[in-house]
Amino acid sequence: MKQISPTMFVTLLDNKEDRFAVIINHWFYYIEKGRIYRFQQHNNTKMLAMLGSFYEGDIDAEGLIDELKKSIINQIQYDWFTDVWKETIIERISHSPYDLEAFFF
């Protein structure tokens, strides 16, 4: 997990080279080739619980990343992702003074 600024997030989106997941307002998003996908609600809830386990020390970073990858593959397989407008996300994070938590693959 890495902390990135909202400005860095926009740069990564524009580069369209990185694959990563990011948490914005308690919701997981998967970014690939500049496209943004929002996690399906059930998977988002599960991953937030896993993140809580990580912070409590019940699982390590590798375990968290493995679960995140499984969730992404599952959602791709069943086409459960929701496309998100880039402008909507940029607007949402542009007013935030906080960095974002990102998971790079």
C-alpha atoms as a PDB file:
ATOM      1  CA  MET A   1       0.000   0.000   0.000  1.00  0.00           C
ATOM      2  CA  LYS A   2       1.248   3.439  -0.870  1.00  0.00           C
ATOM      3  CA  GLN A   3      -0.044   6.918  -0.089  1.00  0.00           C
ATOM      4  CA  ILE A   4      -0.524   9.054  -3.212  1.00  0.00           C
ATOM      5  CA  SER A   5      -1.669  12.640  -3.513  1.00  0.00           C
ATOM      6  CA  PRO A   6      -4.741  13.576  -5.557  1.00  0.00           C
ATOM      7  CA  THR A   7      -2.361  15.217  -8.058  1.00  0.00           C
ATOM      8  CA  MET A   8      -0.357  11.985  -8.392  1.00  0.00           C
ATOM      9  CA  PHE A   9      -3.610  10.056  -8.901  1.00  0.00           C
ATOM     10  CA  VAL A  10      -4.527  12.281 -11.865  1.00  0.00           C
ATOM     11  CA  THR A  11      -1.014  11.859 -13.286  1.00  0.00           C
ATOM     12  CA  LEU A  12      -1.299   8.073 -13.028  1.00  0.00           C
ATOM     13  CA  LEU A  13      -4.683   8.175 -14.761  1.00  0.00           C
ATOM     14  CA  ASP A  14      -3.273  10.256 -17.583  1.00  0.00           C
ATOM     15  CA  ASN A  15      -0.237   7.975 -18.041  1.00  0.00           C
ATOM     16  CA  LYS A  16      -2.524   4.958 -18.610  1.00  0.00           C
ATOM     17  CA  GLU A  17       0.348   2.601 -17.807  1.00  0.00           C
ATOM     18  CA  ASP A  18      -0.227   1.606 -14.184  1.00  0.00           C
ATOM     19  CA  ARG A  19      -2.692  -0.911 -12.786  1.00  0.00           C
ATOM     20  CA  PHE A  20      -3.760  -0.213  -9.241  1.00  0.00           C
ATOM     21  CA  ALA A  21      -6.617  -0.079  -6.782  1.00  0.00           C
ATOM     22  CA  VAL A  22      -7.388   3.005  -4.741  1.00  0.00           C
ATOM     23  CA  ILE A  23      -9.758   3.851  -1.910  1.00  0.00           C
ATOM     24  CA  ILE A  24     -11.844   6.998  -2.364  1.00  0.00           C
ATOM     25  CA  ASN A  25     -14.502   7.875   0.220  1.00  0.00           C
ATOM     26  CA  HIS A  26     -14.623   4.332   1.645  1.00  0.00           C
ATOM     27  CA  TRP A  27     -14.991   2.769  -1.794  1.00  0.00           C
ATOM     28  CA  PHE A  28     -12.505   0.673  -3.743  1.00  0.00           C
ATOM     29  CA  TYR A  29     -11.787   1.514  -7.380  1.00  0.00           C
ATOM     30  CA  TYR A  30      -9.665  -0.439  -9.827  1.00  0.00           C
ATOM     31  CA  ILE A  31      -7.714   1.541 -12.436  1.00  0.00           C
ATOM     32  CA  GLU A  32      -6.316  -0.077 -15.550  1.00  0.00           C
ATOM     33  CA  LYS A  33      -5.077   1.678 -18.709  1.00  0.00           C
ATOM     34  CA  GLY A  34      -6.631   4.947 -17.547  1.00  0.00           C
ATOM     35  CA  ARG A  35     -10.111   3.450 -17.090  1.00  0.00           C
ATOM     36  CA  ILE A  36     -11.761   3.550 -13.679  1.00  0.00           C
ATOM     37  CA  TYR A  37     -13.950   0.754 -12.341  1.00  0.00           C
ATOM     38  CA  ARG A  38     -15.877   0.865  -9.079  1.00  0.00           C
ATOM     39  CA  PHE A  39     -16.057  -2.282  -6.968  1.00  0.00           C
ATOM     40  CA  GLN A  40     -19.403  -4.028  -6.687  1.00  0.00           C
ATOM     41  CA  GLN A  41     -20.932  -3.375  -3.232  1.00  0.00           C
ATOM     42  CA  HIS A  42     -20.486  -6.898  -1.833  1.00  0.00           C
ATOM     43  CA  ASN A  43     -16.818  -6.980  -2.871  1.00  0.00           C
ATOM     44  CA  ASN A  44     -16.244  -3.468  -1.561  1.00  0.00           C
ATOM     45  CA  THR A  45     -17.635  -4.412   1.847  1.00  0.00           C
ATOM     46  CA  LYS A  46     -15.466  -7.538   1.927  1.00  0.00           C
ATOM     47  CA  MET A  47     -12.329  -5.587   1.012  1.00  0.00           C
ATOM     48  CA  LEU A  48     -13.026  -2.900   3.618  1.00  0.00           C
ATOM     49  CA  ALA A  49     -13.247  -5.688   6.213  1.00  0.00           C
ATOM     50  CA  MET A  50      -9.934  -7.108   4.947  1.00  0.00           C
ATOM     51  CA  LEU A  51      -8.389  -3.632   5.196  1.00  0.00           C
ATOM     52  CA  GLY A  52      -9.584  -3.461   8.806  1.00  0.00           C
ATOM     53  CA  SER A  53      -7.918  -6.820   9.464  1.00  0.00           C
ATOM     54  CA  PHE A  54      -4.716  -5.472   7.951  1.00  0.00           C
ATOM     55  CA  TYR A  55      -4.755  -2.414  10.228  1.00  0.00           C
ATOM     56  CA  GLU A  56      -5.440  -4.618  13.247  1.00  0.00           C
ATOM     57  CA  GLY A  57      -2.466  -6.825  12.358  1.00  0.00           C
ATOM     58  CA  ASP A  58      -4.532  -9.941  11.614  1.00  0.00           C
ATOM     59  CA  ILE A  59      -3.172 -10.173   8.044  1.00  0.00           C
ATOM     60  CA  ASP A  60      -0.027  -8.843   6.434  1.00  0.00           C
ATOM     61  CA  ALA A  61       0.315  -6.628   3.359  1.00  0.00           C
ATOM     62  CA  GLU A  62       0.893  -9.626   1.091  1.00  0.00           C
ATOM     63  CA  GLY A  63      -2.326 -11.275   2.294  1.00  0.00           C
ATOM     64  CA  LEU A  64      -4.265  -8.074   1.702  1.00  0.00           C
ATOM     65  CA  ILE A  65      -2.884  -7.702  -1.841  1.00  0.00           C
ATOM     66  CA  ASP A  66      -3.700 -11.365  -2.600  1.00  0.00           C
ATOM     67  CA  GLU A  67      -7.316 -10.867  -1.510  1.00  0.00           C
ATOM     68  CA  LEU A  68      -7.534  -7.660  -3.504  1.00  0.00           C
ATOM     69  CA  LYS A  69      -6.267  -9.422  -6.633  1.00  0.00           C
ATOM     70  CA  LYS A  70      -8.778 -12.262  -6.145  1.00  0.00           C
ATOM     71  CA  SER A  71     -11.598  -9.749  -5.806  1.00  0.00           C
ATOM     72  CA  ILE A  72     -10.557  -7.913  -8.969  1.00  0.00           C
ATOM     73  CA  ILE A  73     -10.279 -11.137 -10.993  1.00  0.00           C
ATOM     74  CA  ASN A  74     -13.673 -12.280  -9.712  1.00  0.00           C
ATOM     75  CA  GLN A  75     -15.310  -9.014 -10.694  1.00  0.00           C
ATOM     76  CA  ILE A  76     -13.670  -9.002 -14.142  1.00  0.00           C
ATOM     77  CA  GLN A  77     -14.759 -12.601 -14.710  1.00  0.00           C
ATOM     78  CA  TYR A  78     -18.415 -11.824 -13.989  1.00  0.00           C
ATOM     79  CA  ASP A  79     -18.362  -8.274 -15.396  1.00  0.00           C
ATOM     80  CA  TRP A  80     -19.454  -6.794 -12.068  1.00  0.00           C
ATOM     81  CA  PHE A  81     -17.437  -3.615 -12.329  1.00  0.00           C
ATOM     82  CA  THR A  82     -19.155  -0.301 -12.906  1.00  0.00           C
ATOM     83  CA  ASP A  83     -17.404   2.163 -15.217  1.00  0.00           C
ATOM     84  CA  VAL A  84     -16.840   5.550 -13.620  1.00  0.00           C
ATOM     85  CA  TRP A  85     -16.385   8.847 -15.385  1.00  0.00           C
ATOM     86  CA  LYS A  86     -12.870  10.159 -14.947  1.00  0.00           C
ATOM     87  CA  GLU A  87     -14.152  13.695 -14.432  1.00  0.00           C
ATOM     88  CA  THR A  88     -16.432  12.540 -11.598  1.00  0.00           C
ATOM     89  CA  ILE A  89     -13.562  10.965  -9.674  1.00  0.00           C
ATOM     90  CA  ILE A  90     -11.207  13.878 -10.274  1.00  0.00           C
ATOM     91  CA  GLU A  91     -13.856  16.283  -8.995  1.00  0.00           C
ATOM     92  CA  ARG A  92     -14.415  14.090  -5.934  1.00  0.00           C
ATOM     93  CA  ILE A  93     -10.759  13.945  -4.941  1.00  0.00           C
ATOM     94  CA  SER A  94      -9.727  17.462  -5.971  1.00  0.00           C
ATOM     95  CA  HIS A  95     -11.289  18.990  -2.864  1.00  0.00           C
ATOM     96  CA  SER A  96      -9.749  16.480  -0.476  1.00  0.00           C
ATOM     97  CA  PRO A  97      -6.763  17.562   1.617  1.00  0.00           C
ATOM     98  CA  TYR A  98      -5.905  13.892   2.274  1.00  0.00           C
ATOM     99  CA  ASP A  99      -3.740  11.469   0.355  1.00  0.00           C
ATOM    100  CA  LEU A 100      -5.274   8.333  -1.135  1.00  0.00           C
ATOM    101  CA  GLU A 101      -4.355   4.751  -0.262  1.00  0.00           C
ATOM    102  CA  ALA A 102      -3.300   2.938  -3.418  1.00  0.00           C
ATOM    103  CA  PHE A 103      -2.341  -0.675  -4.143  1.00  0.00           C
ATOM    104  CA  PHE A 104      -0.117  -1.176  -7.188  1.00  0.00           C
ATOM    105  CA  PHE A 105       0.205  -4.416  -9.145  1.00  0.00           C
END
